[in-house]
Amino acid sequence: MCDSLRRMKHDCAAFGRLCQVKAIPFVERGPIEYPMKQLRNLHFYLGVLGLGAFLLTGLYMHALYNHLRGMPDGPRLLYRTAHIYLLWSSLLNLVLGCYGEPVQRPGYRLVQVLASAAVAAGPFLLCGSFFMESTNPGFVRPLARLAIYLALAGVVVHGLCARVKPASAGGVNDPHCKLAGQ
């Protein structure tokens, strides 16, 4: 890689063109990059749809239960928490859709895809929790619990993947390359 950069710099100078080689990390473009962009779009649109579901569940509570007025404390608490959890999960997806970056090491990409799947499952599970578990008299909420733990695991893994440095591929960031730092 270092030799090809030297040749490119020499060729540019030979033709009298202004050519600067910037020290940027070498990123291998492979078939996994396109699905990562699709994954980012999935998170974004899932976040937007989840925000729509949040608004619709709010309208549902307004229209059918009169803003939960006069409802016993237990079911009211379950409806409101499921409603707020749906907002939280949708915002997590929206943030990953806006700012999530694919990790450059191929071995970590699969881990990042699995973490994304865990976070993406949240709005579906929490929407189901809102309708199925909010009237549960025993306060047992397996869908909401699963969604929360999956989101925790997914966000922690995404955070760890974001801290992984790109693999050195002998590019301009290679300390043995004379072009590094020019």
C-alpha atoms as a PDB file:
ATOM      1  CA  MET A   1       0.000   0.000   0.000  1.00  0.00           C
ATOM      2  CA  CYS A   2       2.820   2.378   0.857  1.00  0.00           C
ATOM      3  CA  ASP A   3       4.507   1.823  -2.548  1.00  0.00           C
ATOM      4  CA  SER A   4       1.294   2.495  -4.437  1.00  0.00           C
ATOM      5  CA  LEU A   5       0.852   5.781  -2.580  1.00  0.00           C
ATOM      6  CA  ARG A   6       4.438   6.764  -3.449  1.00  0.00           C
ATOM      7  CA  ARG A   7       3.790   5.990  -7.138  1.00  0.00           C
ATOM      8  CA  MET A   8       0.545   7.962  -7.060  1.00  0.00           C
ATOM      9  CA  LYS A   9       2.293  10.964  -5.492  1.00  0.00           C
ATOM     10  CA  HIS A  10       5.118  10.733  -8.039  1.00  0.00           C
ATOM     11  CA  ASP A  11       2.686  10.504 -10.968  1.00  0.00           C
ATOM     12  CA  CYS A  12       0.763  13.529  -9.767  1.00  0.00           C
ATOM     13  CA  ALA A  13       3.965  15.564  -9.438  1.00  0.00           C
ATOM     14  CA  ALA A  14       5.183  14.389 -12.867  1.00  0.00           C
ATOM     15  CA  PHE A  15       2.117  15.772 -14.600  1.00  0.00           C
ATOM     16  CA  GLY A  16       2.392  19.053 -12.740  1.00  0.00           C
ATOM     17  CA  ARG A  17      -0.844  18.587 -10.854  1.00  0.00           C
ATOM     18  CA  LEU A  18      -1.269  19.663  -7.282  1.00  0.00           C
ATOM     19  CA  CYS A  19      -1.745  16.422  -5.404  1.00  0.00           C
ATOM     20  CA  GLN A  20      -1.886  16.025  -1.662  1.00  0.00           C
ATOM     21  CA  VAL A  21      -2.086  12.637   0.001  1.00  0.00           C
ATOM     22  CA  LYS A  22      -4.008  13.070   3.240  1.00  0.00           C
ATOM     23  CA  ALA A  23      -3.462  10.793   6.192  1.00  0.00           C
ATOM     24  CA  ILE A  24      -6.834   9.070   6.369  1.00  0.00           C
ATOM     25  CA  PRO A  25      -7.435   5.614   7.747  1.00  0.00           C
ATOM     26  CA  PHE A  26      -7.556   2.856   5.179  1.00  0.00           C
ATOM     27  CA  VAL A  27     -11.043   1.438   4.976  1.00  0.00           C
ATOM     28  CA  GLU A  28     -11.613  -1.763   3.088  1.00  0.00           C
ATOM     29  CA  ARG A  29     -14.709  -1.478   0.950  1.00  0.00           C
ATOM     30  CA  GLY A  30     -16.472  -4.770   0.905  1.00  0.00           C
ATOM     31  CA  PRO A  31     -19.901  -6.305   0.464  1.00  0.00           C
ATOM     32  CA  ILE A  32     -20.731  -5.643   4.122  1.00  0.00           C
ATOM     33  CA  GLU A  33     -20.694  -1.842   3.730  1.00  0.00           C
ATOM     34  CA  TYR A  34     -23.951  -1.681   1.754  1.00  0.00           C
ATOM     35  CA  PRO A  35     -25.964  -3.733   4.278  1.00  0.00           C
ATOM     36  CA  MET A  36     -24.582  -1.504   7.065  1.00  0.00           C
ATOM     37  CA  LYS A  37     -26.033   1.537   5.289  1.00  0.00           C
ATOM     38  CA  GLN A  38     -29.329  -0.312   4.952  1.00  0.00           C
ATOM     39  CA  LEU A  39     -29.161  -1.130   8.657  1.00  0.00           C
ATOM     40  CA  ARG A  40     -28.693   2.539   9.467  1.00  0.00           C
ATOM     41  CA  ASN A  41     -31.707   3.411   7.299  1.00  0.00           C
ATOM     42  CA  LEU A  42     -33.704   0.667   9.025  1.00  0.00           C
ATOM     43  CA  HIS A  43     -32.935   2.183  12.433  1.00  0.00           C
ATOM     44  CA  PHE A  44     -33.891   5.642  11.231  1.00  0.00           C
ATOM     45  CA  TYR A  45     -37.232   4.640   9.712  1.00  0.00           C
ATOM     46  CA  LEU A  46     -38.006   2.311  12.596  1.00  0.00           C
ATOM     47  CA  GLY A  47     -37.395   5.233  14.950  1.00  0.00           C
ATOM     48  CA  VAL A  48     -39.736   7.456  12.952  1.00  0.00           C
ATOM     49  CA  LEU A  49     -42.422   4.742  12.828  1.00  0.00           C
ATOM     50  CA  GLY A  50     -41.955   4.156  16.556  1.00  0.00           C
ATOM     51  CA  LEU A  51     -42.548   7.850  17.213  1.00  0.00           C
ATOM     52  CA  GLY A  52     -45.748   7.517  15.203  1.00  0.00           C
ATOM     53  CA  ALA A  53     -46.719   4.503  17.310  1.00  0.00           C
ATOM     54  CA  PHE A  54     -45.975   6.556  20.431  1.00  0.00           C
ATOM     55  CA  LEU A  55     -48.395   9.229  19.240  1.00  0.00           C
ATOM     56  CA  LEU A  56     -51.006   6.619  18.361  1.00  0.00           C
ATOM     57  CA  THR A  57     -50.764   4.925  21.769  1.00  0.00           C
ATOM     58  CA  GLY A  58     -51.219   8.357  23.324  1.00  0.00           C
ATOM     59  CA  LEU A  59     -54.352   8.873  21.246  1.00  0.00           C
ATOM     60  CA  TYR A  60     -55.508   5.374  22.219  1.00  0.00           C
ATOM     61  CA  MET A  61     -55.222   6.231  25.928  1.00  0.00           C
ATOM     62  CA  HIS A  62     -56.942   9.568  25.312  1.00  0.00           C
ATOM     63  CA  ALA A  63     -59.842   8.187  23.304  1.00  0.00           C
ATOM     64  CA  LEU A  64     -60.545   4.897  25.077  1.00  0.00           C
ATOM     65  CA  TYR A  65     -59.501   5.636  28.646  1.00  0.00           C
ATOM     66  CA  ASN A  66     -60.022   9.413  29.012  1.00  0.00           C
ATOM     67  CA  HIS A  67     -56.337  10.121  29.692  1.00  0.00           C
ATOM     68  CA  LEU A  68     -56.356   7.237  32.194  1.00  0.00           C
ATOM     69  CA  ARG A  69     -58.393   9.331  34.643  1.00  0.00           C
ATOM     70  CA  GLY A  70     -60.237   7.264  37.211  1.00  0.00           C
ATOM     71  CA  MET A  71     -58.216   4.146  36.364  1.00  0.00           C
ATOM     72  CA  PRO A  72     -56.695   2.201  39.269  1.00  0.00           C
ATOM     73  CA  ASP A  73     -53.031   2.982  39.939  1.00  0.00           C
ATOM     74  CA  GLY A  74     -51.626  -0.356  38.765  1.00  0.00           C
ATOM     75  CA  PRO A  75     -53.014  -0.451  35.215  1.00  0.00           C
ATOM     76  CA  ARG A  76     -52.471   3.301  34.810  1.00  0.00           C
ATOM     77  CA  LEU A  77     -48.810   2.849  35.748  1.00  0.00           C
ATOM     78  CA  LEU A  78     -48.443  -0.044  33.285  1.00  0.00           C
ATOM     79  CA  TYR A  79     -50.037   1.902  30.413  1.00  0.00           C
ATOM     80  CA  ARG A  80     -47.903   4.983  31.001  1.00  0.00           C
ATOM     81  CA  THR A  81     -44.642   3.118  31.409  1.00  0.00           C
ATOM     82  CA  ALA A  82     -45.256   1.063  28.253  1.00  0.00           C
ATOM     83  CA  HIS A  83     -46.078   4.317  26.453  1.00  0.00           C
ATOM     84  CA  ILE A  84     -42.855   6.011  27.643  1.00  0.00           C
ATOM     85  CA  TYR A  85     -40.756   2.887  26.986  1.00  0.00           C
ATOM     86  CA  LEU A  86     -42.043   2.911  23.408  1.00  0.00           C
ATOM     87  CA  LEU A  87     -40.849   6.511  23.060  1.00  0.00           C
ATOM     88  CA  TRP A  88     -37.465   5.587  24.570  1.00  0.00           C
ATOM     89  CA  SER A  89     -36.963   2.623  22.252  1.00  0.00           C
ATOM     90  CA  SER A  90     -37.975   4.653  19.213  1.00  0.00           C
ATOM     91  CA  LEU A  91     -35.518   7.396  20.119  1.00  0.00           C
ATOM     92  CA  LEU A  92     -32.730   4.821  20.517  1.00  0.00           C
ATOM     93  CA  ASN A  93     -33.414   3.615  16.989  1.00  0.00           C
ATOM     94  CA  LEU A  94     -33.601   7.157  15.673  1.00  0.00           C
ATOM     95  CA  VAL A  95     -30.224   8.017  17.209  1.00  0.00           C
ATOM     96  CA  LEU A  96     -28.624   4.868  15.773  1.00  0.00           C
ATOM     97  CA  GLY A  97     -30.145   5.748  12.412  1.00  0.00           C
ATOM     98  CA  CYS A  98     -28.692   9.251  12.518  1.00  0.00           C
ATOM     99  CA  TYR A  99     -25.306   8.675  14.112  1.00  0.00           C
ATOM    100  CA  GLY A 100     -24.532   4.958  13.988  1.00  0.00           C
ATOM    101  CA  GLU A 101     -21.330   4.150  12.102  1.00  0.00           C
ATOM    102  CA  PRO A 102     -20.280   0.727  10.867  1.00  0.00           C
ATOM    103  CA  VAL A 103     -17.225  -0.690  12.549  1.00  0.00           C
ATOM    104  CA  GLN A 104     -14.333  -1.253  10.146  1.00  0.00           C
ATOM    105  CA  ARG A 105     -13.125  -4.628  11.400  1.00  0.00           C
ATOM    106  CA  PRO A 106     -14.981  -7.449   9.657  1.00  0.00           C
ATOM    107  CA  GLY A 107     -15.078  -9.661  12.751  1.00  0.00           C
ATOM    108  CA  TYR A 108     -16.877  -6.973  14.717  1.00  0.00           C
ATOM    109  CA  ARG A 109     -19.412  -6.219  11.986  1.00  0.00           C
ATOM    110  CA  LEU A 110     -21.465  -9.304  12.736  1.00  0.00           C
ATOM    111  CA  VAL A 111     -21.501  -8.382  16.414  1.00  0.00           C
ATOM    112  CA  GLN A 112     -22.670  -4.891  15.490  1.00  0.00           C
ATOM    113  CA  VAL A 113     -25.435  -6.294  13.262  1.00  0.00           C
ATOM    114  CA  LEU A 114     -26.637  -8.506  16.120  1.00  0.00           C
ATOM    115  CA  ALA A 115     -26.599  -5.504  18.467  1.00  0.00           C
ATOM    116  CA  SER A 116     -28.633  -3.546  15.931  1.00  0.00           C
ATOM    117  CA  ALA A 117     -31.152  -6.373  15.712  1.00  0.00           C
ATOM    118  CA  ALA A 118     -31.486  -6.327  19.503  1.00  0.00           C
ATOM    119  CA  VAL A 119     -32.192  -2.582  19.538  1.00  0.00           C
ATOM    120  CA  ALA A 120     -34.504  -2.812  16.506  1.00  0.00           C
ATOM    121  CA  ALA A 121     -36.678  -5.417  18.239  1.00  0.00           C
ATOM    122  CA  GLY A 122     -37.536  -2.936  21.011  1.00  0.00           C
ATOM    123  CA  PRO A 123     -40.388  -0.944  19.439  1.00  0.00           C
ATOM    124  CA  PHE A 124     -42.166  -4.120  18.334  1.00  0.00           C
ATOM    125  CA  LEU A 125     -41.869  -5.776  21.737  1.00  0.00           C
ATOM    126  CA  LEU A 126     -42.887  -2.616  23.581  1.00  0.00           C
ATOM    127  CA  CYS A 127     -45.850  -2.015  21.310  1.00  0.00           C
ATOM    128  CA  GLY A 128     -46.972  -5.562  22.072  1.00  0.00           C
ATOM    129  CA  SER A 129     -46.352  -4.924  25.748  1.00  0.00           C
ATOM    130  CA  PHE A 130     -48.522  -1.821  25.639  1.00  0.00           C
ATOM    131  CA  PHE A 131     -51.524  -3.711  24.315  1.00  0.00           C
ATOM    132  CA  MET A 132     -51.076  -7.114  25.955  1.00  0.00           C
ATOM    133  CA  GLU A 133     -49.369  -6.514  29.290  1.00  0.00           C
ATOM    134  CA  SER A 134     -50.831  -3.216  30.481  1.00  0.00           C
ATOM    135  CA  THR A 135     -54.010  -4.868  31.761  1.00  0.00           C
ATOM    136  CA  ASN A 136     -52.081  -7.659  33.504  1.00  0.00           C
ATOM    137  CA  PRO A 137     -53.130  -7.649  37.178  1.00  0.00           C
ATOM    138  CA  GLY A 138     -49.951  -9.429  38.277  1.00  0.00           C
ATOM    139  CA  PHE A 139     -47.601  -6.697  37.014  1.00  0.00           C
ATOM    140  CA  VAL A 140     -45.620  -9.325  35.120  1.00  0.00           C
ATOM    141  CA  ARG A 141     -44.240  -7.887  31.880  1.00  0.00           C
ATOM    142  CA  PRO A 142     -42.029 -10.378  30.049  1.00  0.00           C
ATOM    143  CA  LEU A 143     -42.162  -8.528  26.693  1.00  0.00           C
ATOM    144  CA  ALA A 144     -41.179  -5.190  28.213  1.00  0.00           C
ATOM    145  CA  ARG A 145     -38.414  -6.822  30.255  1.00  0.00           C
ATOM    146  CA  LEU A 146     -37.046  -8.577  27.177  1.00  0.00           C
ATOM    147  CA  ALA A 147     -37.116  -5.323  25.163  1.00  0.00           C
ATOM    148  CA  ILE A 148     -35.291  -3.428  27.907  1.00  0.00           C
ATOM    149  CA  TYR A 149     -32.578  -6.064  28.312  1.00  0.00           C
ATOM    150  CA  LEU A 150     -32.115  -6.353  24.543  1.00  0.00           C
ATOM    151  CA  ALA A 151     -31.783  -2.566  24.280  1.00  0.00           C
ATOM    152  CA  LEU A 152     -29.258  -2.530  27.117  1.00  0.00           C
ATOM    153  CA  ALA A 153     -27.167  -5.248  25.486  1.00  0.00           C
ATOM    154  CA  GLY A 154     -27.447  -3.665  22.040  1.00  0.00           C
ATOM    155  CA  VAL A 155     -26.427  -0.196  23.196  1.00  0.00           C
ATOM    156  CA  VAL A 156     -23.505  -1.523  25.257  1.00  0.00           C
ATOM    157  CA  VAL A 157     -22.248  -3.581  22.298  1.00  0.00           C
ATOM    158  CA  HIS A 158     -22.655  -0.606  19.935  1.00  0.00           C
ATOM    159  CA  GLY A 159     -20.694   1.524  22.377  1.00  0.00           C
ATOM    160  CA  LEU A 160     -17.910  -1.046  22.604  1.00  0.00           C
ATOM    161  CA  CYS A 161     -17.826  -1.453  18.820  1.00  0.00           C
ATOM    162  CA  ALA A 162     -17.524   2.323  18.422  1.00  0.00           C
ATOM    163  CA  ARG A 163     -14.363   2.229  20.547  1.00  0.00           C
ATOM    164  CA  VAL A 164     -12.665  -0.388  18.331  1.00  0.00           C
ATOM    165  CA  LYS A 165      -9.873   1.128  16.267  1.00  0.00           C
ATOM    166  CA  PRO A 166      -9.728   0.292  12.556  1.00  0.00           C
ATOM    167  CA  ALA A 167      -7.394  -2.540  11.639  1.00  0.00           C
ATOM    168  CA  SER A 168      -4.061  -1.367  10.257  1.00  0.00           C
ATOM    169  CA  ALA A 169      -3.854  -2.409   6.639  1.00  0.00           C
ATOM    170  CA  GLY A 170      -0.452  -0.954   5.846  1.00  0.00           C
ATOM    171  CA  GLY A 171      -1.899   2.330   4.599  1.00  0.00           C
ATOM    172  CA  VAL A 172      -0.780   5.877   5.250  1.00  0.00           C
ATOM    173  CA  ASN A 173      -1.375   5.406   8.972  1.00  0.00           C
ATOM    174  CA  ASP A 174       1.208   2.647   9.034  1.00  0.00           C
ATOM    175  CA  PRO A 175       4.186   3.979  11.052  1.00  0.00           C
ATOM    176  CA  HIS A 176       6.604   2.327   8.587  1.00  0.00           C
ATOM    177  CA  CYS A 177       5.206   4.286   5.638  1.00  0.00           C
ATOM    178  CA  LYS A 178       7.259   7.412   4.840  1.00  0.00           C
ATOM    179  CA  LEU A 179       4.109   9.253   3.668  1.00  0.00           C
ATOM    180  CA  ALA A 180       2.498   9.102   7.102  1.00  0.00           C
ATOM    181  CA  GLY A 181       2.016  12.558   8.530  1.00  0.00           C
ATOM    182  CA  GLN A 182       2.646  14.459   5.240  1.00  0.00           C
END
